[in-house]
Amino acid sequence: MKRWGILGGGSVAPSHVIALLRSPDAEIVGLADADKAARQRAKDGFSIPTYSSIESLLDEAHPDAVTIALPAPLHLEAARLAAQRGIHVLCEKPLARNVAECSELIAVCAQHKVQLGAILNNRGYQQTRWIKSLIEAGTWHPALVSIRGGMPGTNMGGGVVIAVGVHYLDLMRWWLGSPLQVSAVVSGRASVALVRFQDAVGTMRLTTLGRSGTGVRMDIEGDEGRLTLGRFGIEAVDGSLGTPPDWDTEIDGMQFGAGHVTVIAEAAAALSRGDALPVSGEVGRDAVAVCDAVLRASETGRWEDVEA
């Protein structure tokens, strides 16, 4: 069992806390946040120690590892503080704001000989793993994966690509392999992209338009069948794909679904065994690289390569 700290007490922090509390390989030694209200929520909700700064948690609680549950602009510095003390890092998506920051984060952890892992929670569901297994087994050969979603009122503009799109662009990459090029148009309230793979095409359409949200859905199509994946699992499936597993049971307090439980528990187990973290920092950087290419293509008006 390893000692874990949580850096950040915002909206995703309860998912980290619940996942670690459920893991037999983790002991929570504290949560750090500069905001007094965030610390109080952690105390009231989970009865765990809290600290007013990252440094105080790291220096007084002596964790073996931390999860980073902070906004993306703070990921690099938080990871640096942990790595400098020899503490392993498991970072919420996106790993950082862009590929350059991701690479610096990876280098910092390598310099201090600590592990860096990425939390890509949509990889933690039985159904997304079932889709992956069909593709790996050669049972299904998707040729088109389409992302479509509407989130009115979020006021993210182009930021919706890195904040939301990263989840689904990562799944696309996980299922279809490394993307080759991207073409895109990103405006203040709508983002549309085409992603070219070796043997498939991906599309993404995310908006902050309208009065009511649609959530995000993925349509996956191949000669053997097609399906639609929504926030609460597979909504439709046809063809010869078989019967998908049930969607993971929702857990009270986990705003973003139960995928966090699986991916964080797997990371905690790996660290306890002395193994490499299952989803590396490099994989987290790969997910951000697709987002970077989308934003770059929108600026240049050309097809842009995805950084390897």
Protein backbone atom coordinates (compact mmCIF):
# COMPACT_ATOMS: atom_id res chain seq x y z
CA MET A 1 0.00 0.00 0.00
CA LYS A 2 1.22 3.49 -0.90
CA ARG A 3 0.48 6.86 0.69
CA TRP A 4 -1.41 9.20 -1.64
CA GLY A 5 -2.15 12.91 -1.61
CA ILE A 6 -4.60 14.86 -3.77
CA LEU A 7 -3.53 18.23 -5.15
CA GLY A 8 -6.63 20.32 -5.72
CA GLY A 9 -10.11 20.33 -4.25
CA GLY A 10 -12.27 21.38 -7.20
CA SER A 11 -15.00 19.57 -9.11
CA VAL A 12 -12.94 16.53 -10.12
CA ALA A 13 -11.32 16.05 -6.69
CA PRO A 14 -14.18 13.94 -5.22
CA SER A 15 -13.68 11.45 -8.05
CA HIS A 16 -10.02 11.12 -7.07
CA VAL A 17 -10.81 10.80 -3.38
CA ILE A 18 -13.55 8.19 -3.87
CA ALA A 19 -11.38 6.16 -6.24
CA LEU A 20 -8.46 6.11 -3.78
CA LEU A 21 -10.75 5.31 -0.84
CA ARG A 22 -12.03 2.30 -2.76
CA SER A 23 -8.54 1.06 -3.60
CA PRO A 24 -6.92 -1.53 -1.29
CA ASP A 25 -3.55 -0.26 -2.51
CA ALA A 26 -3.91 3.35 -1.38
CA GLU A 27 -4.02 5.33 1.84
CA ILE A 28 -5.04 8.99 1.56
CA VAL A 29 -2.81 11.24 3.66
CA GLY A 30 -4.31 14.56 2.65
CA LEU A 31 -5.76 16.99 0.12
CA ALA A 32 -4.27 20.41 -0.64
CA ASP A 33 -6.12 23.47 -1.86
CA ALA A 34 -5.58 27.18 -1.27
CA ASP A 35 -9.36 27.70 -1.10
CA LYS A 36 -10.76 27.33 2.41
CA ALA A 37 -14.20 26.27 1.13
CA ALA A 38 -12.65 23.48 -0.94
CA ARG A 39 -10.76 22.21 2.08
CA GLN A 40 -13.91 22.29 4.17
CA ARG A 41 -15.81 20.27 1.56
CA ALA A 42 -13.11 17.61 1.68
CA LYS A 43 -13.22 17.52 5.47
CA ASP A 44 -17.00 17.36 5.63
CA GLY A 45 -17.42 14.90 2.79
CA PHE A 46 -14.56 12.52 3.39
CA SER A 47 -13.01 13.25 6.81
CA ILE A 48 -9.52 13.48 5.33
CA PRO A 49 -6.70 15.84 6.40
CA THR A 50 -6.41 19.03 4.37
CA TYR A 51 -3.59 21.47 3.73
CA SER A 52 -3.62 25.07 2.53
CA SER A 53 -0.72 24.61 0.12
CA ILE A 54 0.79 21.90 -2.02
CA GLU A 55 4.15 22.33 -0.32
CA SER A 56 2.71 21.80 3.16
CA LEU A 57 1.00 18.56 2.12
CA LEU A 58 4.13 17.24 0.43
CA ASP A 59 6.47 18.21 3.27
CA GLU A 60 4.27 17.28 6.22
CA ALA A 61 2.20 14.29 5.02
CA HIS A 62 5.04 12.65 3.04
CA PRO A 63 2.98 10.92 0.32
CA ASP A 64 4.55 8.36 -1.99
CA ALA A 65 2.36 9.61 -4.84
CA VAL A 66 -0.13 12.35 -5.65
CA THR A 67 -3.01 12.83 -8.00
CA ILE A 68 -3.32 16.24 -9.62
CA ALA A 69 -6.91 17.48 -9.61
CA LEU A 70 -6.15 21.10 -10.46
CA PRO A 71 -7.01 23.20 -13.55
CA ALA A 72 -4.70 22.40 -16.47
CA PRO A 73 -2.66 25.65 -16.23
CA LEU A 74 -1.47 24.51 -12.78
CA HIS A 75 -0.52 20.94 -13.67
CA LEU A 76 3.11 21.54 -14.61
CA GLU A 77 4.08 23.45 -11.49
CA ALA A 78 2.22 21.06 -9.18
CA ALA A 79 3.97 18.08 -10.80
CA ARG A 80 7.30 19.85 -10.51
CA LEU A 81 6.84 20.37 -6.76
CA ALA A 82 6.04 16.69 -6.28
CA ALA A 83 8.78 15.35 -8.55
CA GLN A 84 11.44 17.48 -6.87
CA ARG A 85 10.60 15.64 -3.65
CA GLY A 86 10.74 12.20 -5.23
CA ILE A 87 6.95 11.78 -5.27
CA HIS A 88 5.20 9.97 -8.13
CA VAL A 89 2.55 11.88 -10.12
CA LEU A 90 -0.82 10.77 -11.53
CA CYS A 91 -2.30 13.71 -13.43
CA GLU A 92 -5.87 14.44 -14.47
CA LYS A 93 -6.50 15.09 -18.16
CA PRO A 94 -5.46 17.10 -20.02
CA LEU A 95 -1.90 16.41 -18.93
CA ALA A 96 -1.09 20.07 -19.62
CA ARG A 97 -2.26 22.93 -21.81
CA ASN A 98 -0.22 21.96 -24.86
CA VAL A 99 2.41 19.52 -26.10
CA ALA A 100 5.31 21.75 -25.06
CA GLU A 101 4.10 21.83 -21.45
CA CYS A 102 3.43 18.08 -21.52
CA SER A 103 6.98 17.44 -22.70
CA GLU A 104 8.39 19.63 -19.95
CA LEU A 105 6.27 17.81 -17.37
CA ILE A 106 7.53 14.44 -18.63
CA ALA A 107 11.13 15.69 -18.55
CA VAL A 108 10.81 16.99 -14.99
CA CYS A 109 9.53 13.64 -13.74
CA ALA A 110 12.23 11.76 -15.63
CA GLN A 111 14.91 14.07 -14.23
CA HIS A 112 13.83 13.27 -10.68
CA LYS A 113 13.30 9.57 -11.42
CA VAL A 114 9.60 9.48 -10.50
CA GLN A 115 6.75 7.95 -12.44
CA LEU A 116 4.25 10.09 -14.33
CA GLY A 117 0.83 8.76 -15.26
CA ALA A 118 -2.19 10.28 -16.98
CA ILE A 119 -5.82 9.94 -15.89
CA LEU A 120 -7.87 9.32 -19.03
CA ASN A 121 -11.00 8.14 -17.31
CA ASN A 122 -13.02 7.25 -20.41
CA ARG A 123 -10.60 4.35 -20.89
CA GLY A 124 -11.88 2.92 -17.60
CA TYR A 125 -15.35 1.77 -18.68
CA GLN A 126 -16.27 -1.81 -19.52
CA GLN A 127 -17.94 -0.70 -22.75
CA THR A 128 -15.07 1.43 -24.08
CA ARG A 129 -12.75 -1.51 -23.32
CA TRP A 130 -15.16 -3.88 -25.08
CA ILE A 131 -14.96 -1.71 -28.19
CA LYS A 132 -11.17 -1.78 -27.93
CA SER A 133 -11.21 -5.59 -27.58
CA LEU A 134 -13.36 -6.05 -30.70
CA ILE A 135 -10.94 -3.95 -32.73
CA GLU A 136 -7.84 -5.67 -31.36
CA ALA A 137 -9.35 -9.10 -32.05
CA GLY A 138 -10.04 -8.13 -35.66
CA THR A 139 -13.77 -8.61 -35.14
CA TRP A 140 -14.59 -5.00 -36.01
CA HIS A 141 -12.87 -2.59 -38.36
CA PRO A 142 -14.32 0.90 -37.74
CA ALA A 143 -13.84 3.26 -40.67
CA LEU A 144 -15.62 6.27 -39.18
CA VAL A 145 -15.76 7.62 -35.61
CA SER A 146 -17.84 10.77 -35.11
CA ILE A 147 -17.91 12.93 -31.99
CA ARG A 148 -20.88 15.26 -31.55
CA GLY A 149 -21.82 17.32 -28.52
CA GLY A 150 -23.51 20.49 -27.34
CA MET A 151 -22.76 22.23 -24.04
CA PRO A 152 -24.58 25.59 -24.00
CA GLY A 153 -23.59 28.03 -21.30
CA THR A 154 -20.10 26.63 -20.80
CA ASN A 155 -18.54 29.69 -22.48
CA MET A 156 -15.37 27.73 -23.32
CA GLY A 157 -14.93 28.80 -26.94
CA GLY A 158 -11.91 27.03 -28.40
CA GLY A 159 -11.11 25.76 -24.91
CA VAL A 160 -13.79 23.12 -25.34
CA VAL A 161 -11.33 21.21 -27.55
CA ILE A 162 -8.78 20.71 -24.77
CA ALA A 163 -11.26 20.58 -21.89
CA VAL A 164 -13.84 18.21 -23.41
CA GLY A 165 -12.61 17.08 -26.81
CA VAL A 166 -9.47 15.53 -25.32
CA HIS A 167 -11.59 12.74 -23.77
CA TYR A 168 -13.04 11.64 -27.09
CA LEU A 169 -10.04 12.36 -29.30
CA ASP A 170 -8.08 10.11 -26.93
CA LEU A 171 -10.65 7.32 -27.34
CA MET A 172 -10.47 7.78 -31.09
CA ARG A 173 -6.69 7.43 -30.97
CA TRP A 174 -6.86 4.48 -28.55
CA TRP A 175 -9.20 2.59 -30.87
CA LEU A 176 -7.90 3.58 -34.31
CA GLY A 177 -4.17 4.12 -33.77
CA SER A 178 -2.05 7.18 -34.30
CA PRO A 179 -3.74 9.92 -36.31
CA LEU A 180 -1.89 11.32 -39.32
CA GLN A 181 -3.35 14.76 -39.97
CA VAL A 182 -6.09 17.10 -38.81
CA SER A 183 -8.15 19.81 -40.50
CA ALA A 184 -10.34 22.07 -38.38
CA VAL A 185 -12.31 25.25 -37.85
CA VAL A 186 -12.59 26.50 -34.28
CA SER A 187 -14.69 29.59 -33.56
CA GLY A 188 -15.78 31.20 -30.34
CA ARG A 189 -18.71 28.82 -29.92
CA ALA A 190 -18.18 25.90 -32.26
CA SER A 191 -15.36 23.50 -33.10
CA VAL A 192 -15.39 21.18 -36.12
CA ALA A 193 -12.52 18.86 -37.03
CA LEU A 194 -11.58 16.06 -39.41
CA VAL A 195 -8.96 13.56 -38.27
CA ARG A 196 -7.21 11.36 -40.84
CA PHE A 197 -6.04 7.89 -39.76
CA GLN A 198 -4.31 5.21 -41.81
CA ASP A 199 -7.52 3.27 -42.45
CA ALA A 200 -10.25 5.44 -40.90
CA VAL A 201 -11.62 8.95 -40.53
CA GLY A 202 -12.64 10.76 -37.38
CA THR A 203 -14.91 13.78 -37.09
CA MET A 204 -15.56 16.08 -34.14
CA ARG A 205 -18.34 18.63 -33.74
CA LEU A 206 -18.54 20.39 -30.37
CA THR A 207 -20.56 23.53 -29.68
CA THR A 208 -21.65 25.77 -26.84
CA LEU A 209 -24.75 26.81 -28.81
CA GLY A 210 -28.42 26.44 -27.99
CA ARG A 211 -30.49 26.50 -24.82
CA SER A 212 -30.21 22.91 -23.70
CA GLY A 213 -27.30 20.51 -23.75
CA THR A 214 -27.10 17.32 -25.77
CA GLY A 215 -24.14 15.79 -23.98
CA VAL A 216 -21.43 14.15 -26.07
CA ARG A 217 -22.02 11.09 -28.24
CA MET A 218 -19.78 9.00 -30.41
CA ASP A 219 -21.01 7.16 -33.51
CA ILE A 220 -18.68 4.34 -34.54
CA GLU A 221 -19.22 2.66 -37.90
CA GLY A 222 -17.62 -0.25 -39.72
CA ASP A 223 -18.65 -2.95 -42.20
CA GLU A 224 -19.42 -5.35 -39.34
CA GLY A 225 -21.77 -2.97 -37.55
CA ARG A 226 -22.24 0.38 -35.90
CA LEU A 227 -23.00 1.73 -32.44
CA THR A 228 -23.69 4.97 -30.59
CA LEU A 229 -21.93 5.63 -27.28
CA GLY A 230 -23.36 8.31 -24.97
CA ARG A 231 -22.59 9.59 -21.48
CA PHE A 232 -24.38 6.65 -19.88
CA GLY A 233 -23.20 3.93 -22.20
CA ILE A 234 -24.02 2.37 -25.54
CA GLU A 235 -27.40 3.63 -26.71
CA ALA A 236 -27.72 1.63 -29.93
CA VAL A 237 -25.82 -1.23 -31.51
CA ASP A 238 -26.44 -3.29 -34.64
CA GLY A 239 -24.68 -5.68 -36.94
CA SER A 240 -22.58 -8.65 -35.84
CA LEU A 241 -20.81 -6.99 -32.92
CA GLY A 242 -22.45 -9.06 -30.20
CA THR A 243 -23.85 -7.92 -26.86
CA PRO A 244 -21.90 -5.23 -25.03
CA PRO A 245 -21.29 -5.41 -21.28
CA ASP A 246 -23.41 -3.27 -18.97
CA TRP A 247 -22.39 0.32 -18.35
CA ASP A 248 -20.47 0.74 -15.11
CA THR A 249 -22.73 1.53 -12.16
CA GLU A 250 -22.80 5.22 -11.34
CA ILE A 251 -21.26 6.12 -7.98
CA ASP A 252 -22.63 8.84 -5.71
CA GLY A 253 -20.36 11.86 -5.62
CA MET A 254 -18.54 11.04 -8.86
CA GLN A 255 -19.74 13.80 -11.17
CA PHE A 256 -17.79 12.53 -14.17
CA GLY A 257 -18.71 8.85 -13.99
CA ALA A 258 -17.16 5.70 -12.60
CA GLY A 259 -14.27 5.46 -15.05
CA HIS A 260 -12.05 7.25 -12.55
CA VAL A 261 -12.43 4.37 -10.09
CA THR A 262 -10.98 1.88 -12.55
CA VAL A 263 -8.09 3.90 -13.93
CA ILE A 264 -6.99 5.29 -10.55
CA ALA A 265 -7.30 1.88 -8.85
CA GLU A 266 -5.21 0.31 -11.61
CA ALA A 267 -2.55 3.01 -11.17
CA ALA A 268 -2.51 2.54 -7.39
CA ALA A 269 -2.18 -1.22 -7.77
CA ALA A 270 0.66 -0.88 -10.26
CA LEU A 271 2.57 1.52 -8.03
CA SER A 272 2.06 -0.75 -5.02
CA ARG A 273 3.54 -3.66 -7.00
CA GLY A 274 6.44 -1.55 -8.20
CA ASP A 275 5.22 -1.70 -11.81
CA ALA A 276 4.97 1.08 -14.38
CA LEU A 277 1.80 3.17 -14.29
CA PRO A 278 -0.68 1.74 -16.86
CA VAL A 279 -1.28 5.01 -18.73
CA SER A 280 1.99 6.89 -19.04
CA GLY A 281 2.64 10.59 -19.29
CA GLU A 282 3.60 10.02 -22.93
CA VAL A 283 0.09 8.68 -23.62
CA GLY A 284 -1.34 11.77 -21.95
CA ARG A 285 0.84 13.93 -24.19
CA ASP A 286 -0.38 12.02 -27.26
CA ALA A 287 -3.98 12.93 -26.38
CA VAL A 288 -3.05 16.61 -26.03
CA ALA A 289 -1.15 16.44 -29.35
CA VAL A 290 -4.39 15.76 -31.24
CA CYS A 291 -6.01 18.78 -29.56
CA ASP A 292 -2.98 20.91 -30.43
CA ALA A 293 -3.27 19.85 -34.07
CA VAL A 294 -6.96 20.79 -34.13
CA LEU A 295 -6.23 24.29 -32.82
CA ARG A 296 -3.21 24.70 -35.10
CA ALA A 297 -5.16 23.59 -38.19
CA SER A 298 -7.86 26.13 -37.40
CA GLU A 299 -5.25 28.88 -37.26
CA THR A 300 -3.40 27.94 -40.46
CA GLY A 301 -6.35 26.78 -42.56
CA ARG A 302 -4.31 23.77 -43.63
CA TRP A 303 -4.09 20.09 -42.83
CA GLU A 304 -1.71 19.78 -39.88
CA ASP A 305 0.36 16.78 -38.81
CA VAL A 306 -0.22 15.38 -35.33
CA GLU A 307 3.00 15.48 -33.32
CA ALA A 308 4.30 12.00 -32.52
